[in-house]
Protein backbone atom coordinates (compact mmCIF):
# COMPACT_ATOMS: atom_id res chain seq x y z
CA MET A 1 40.10 108.42 123.98
CA THR A 2 42.44 105.53 123.25
CA ARG A 3 46.06 106.13 124.19
CA LYS A 4 48.44 105.56 121.33
CA LYS A 5 51.31 103.09 121.48
CA TYR A 6 54.64 103.81 119.88
CA ILE A 7 56.83 101.41 117.93
CA TYR A 8 60.39 102.10 116.88
CA VAL A 9 60.98 101.21 113.22
CA ALA A 10 64.56 100.05 112.58
CA HIS A 11 65.70 99.87 108.96
CA PRO A 12 69.03 100.25 107.15
CA TYR A 13 69.69 103.74 105.84
CA ARG A 14 73.25 104.52 104.85
CA ASN A 15 73.73 102.32 101.77
CA ASN A 16 70.84 103.93 99.84
CA PRO A 17 69.30 106.84 101.76
CA GLU A 18 66.67 107.93 99.23
CA GLU A 19 65.35 104.44 98.53
CA ASN A 20 65.45 103.43 102.20
CA LEU A 21 63.49 106.55 103.16
CA LYS A 22 60.77 105.52 100.69
CA LYS A 23 60.74 101.96 102.05
CA VAL A 24 60.45 103.11 105.66
CA THR A 25 57.69 105.55 104.76
CA GLU A 26 55.70 102.66 103.29
CA ILE A 27 56.46 100.42 106.30
CA CYS A 28 55.19 103.14 108.65
CA ARG A 29 52.03 103.57 106.58
CA GLU A 30 51.39 99.83 106.65
CA LEU A 31 51.99 99.56 110.40
CA TYR A 32 49.57 102.42 111.03
CA LYS A 33 46.99 101.03 108.59
CA LYS A 34 47.20 97.63 110.30
CA ASP A 35 46.73 99.16 113.78
CA PRO A 36 45.76 102.86 114.05
CA THR A 37 46.49 102.80 117.79
CA VAL A 38 50.19 102.43 116.95
CA ILE A 39 52.36 105.37 115.97
CA PRO A 40 55.51 104.26 114.13
CA ILE A 41 58.61 106.21 115.15
CA SER A 42 61.17 106.28 112.34
CA PRO A 43 64.68 107.50 113.17
CA ILE A 44 65.30 107.79 109.43
CA HIS A 45 62.54 110.39 109.19
CA LEU A 46 63.62 112.13 112.38
CA PHE A 47 67.39 112.06 111.93
CA GLY A 48 67.89 111.65 108.17
CA TRP A 49 69.20 115.20 108.01
CA MET A 50 72.02 114.41 110.46
CA ASP A 51 75.48 113.18 109.58
CA PRO A 52 75.31 109.40 110.24
CA ASP A 53 78.88 109.49 111.54
CA THR A 54 77.80 111.62 114.51
CA ASP A 55 76.29 110.29 117.72
CA VAL A 56 72.88 109.79 116.14
CA VAL A 57 72.87 106.28 117.64
CA ASP A 58 72.48 107.71 121.16
CA SER A 59 69.40 109.60 120.00
CA CYS A 60 68.08 106.35 118.52
CA TYR A 61 68.58 104.64 121.88
CA ASP A 62 66.58 107.43 123.55
CA LEU A 63 63.76 106.89 121.05
CA MET A 64 63.82 103.14 121.65
CA ASP A 65 63.43 103.80 125.38
CA PHE A 66 60.59 106.23 124.63
CA CYS A 67 58.83 103.45 122.70
CA GLY A 68 59.01 101.21 125.75
CA GLY A 69 61.01 98.47 124.11
CA LYS A 70 58.64 98.03 121.19
CA VAL A 71 60.94 97.73 118.18
CA SER A 72 60.26 96.43 114.69
CA PHE A 73 63.22 95.52 112.45
CA HIS A 74 62.82 95.70 108.67
CA GLY A 75 64.82 95.34 105.49
CA ASP A 76 68.28 93.80 105.45
CA TRP A 77 68.89 94.99 109.01
CA MET A 78 71.24 92.12 109.87
CA HIS A 79 73.82 93.63 107.50
CA SER A 80 73.45 97.19 108.74
CA GLU A 81 75.94 98.49 111.31
CA GLY A 82 73.37 100.89 112.78
CA CYS A 83 70.60 98.29 112.97
CA ILE A 84 72.93 95.80 114.63
CA LEU A 85 73.76 98.40 117.30
CA GLU A 86 70.03 99.03 117.75
CA ALA A 87 69.35 95.29 118.05
CA GLU A 88 72.09 94.83 120.65
CA TYR A 89 70.70 97.74 122.68
CA HIS A 90 67.17 96.40 122.31
CA TRP A 91 68.11 92.92 123.52
CA ASP A 92 70.18 94.29 126.42
CA LYS A 93 67.19 96.34 127.54
CA ALA A 94 64.83 93.37 127.08
CA GLU A 95 67.14 91.29 129.24
CA GLU A 96 67.12 94.01 131.92
CA ARG A 97 63.30 94.13 131.85
CA PHE A 98 63.12 90.33 132.13
CA ASP A 99 65.60 90.30 135.03
CA LEU A 100 63.52 92.92 136.85
CA TRP A 101 60.34 90.93 136.21
CA ALA A 102 62.00 87.69 137.40
CA LYS A 103 63.19 89.38 140.60
CA ARG A 104 59.70 90.69 141.29
CA VAL A 105 58.19 87.24 140.75
CA MET A 106 60.82 85.71 143.02
CA TRP A 107 60.07 88.20 145.80
CA VAL A 108 56.34 87.60 145.50
CA PHE A 109 57.02 83.88 145.84
CA VAL A 110 59.32 84.44 148.85
CA ILE A 111 56.81 86.70 150.61
CA ALA A 112 53.93 84.33 149.87
CA THR A 113 56.00 81.45 151.26
CA ILE A 114 56.79 83.42 154.42
CA PHE A 115 53.13 84.28 154.95
CA TYR A 116 52.17 80.67 154.32
CA CYS A 117 54.73 79.45 156.86
CA LEU A 118 53.68 82.05 159.42
CA GLY A 119 50.09 81.01 158.92
CA MET A 120 51.07 77.39 159.51
CA LEU A 121 52.82 78.33 162.78
CA GLN A 122 49.60 79.78 164.17
CA TRP A 123 47.79 76.44 163.91
């Protein structure tokens, strides 16, 4: 059994909810058709019933974390307040993951150097 991967689908919503819901539905279908091992997670489908002026953004952040940082931006997202917040969160998290990776690589290098030097002392 192949484990599924999740991808968060970011798309503007507020300016035209009905049309944007249709667009995101088609985007999700296309993503799944392209790779059936990927399950698109659409906050518009999950939270479209909520008042967008509530703290729905925090729930979106939780979903982005659930998807492991895999986010796909669609539509005119650069002019959407919600999508911009999602993008900022996404990039902050990506930076954190890179910093953690860089620290791990640095420590591997430091430990390898110490072992190398200790090995040289034994000669």
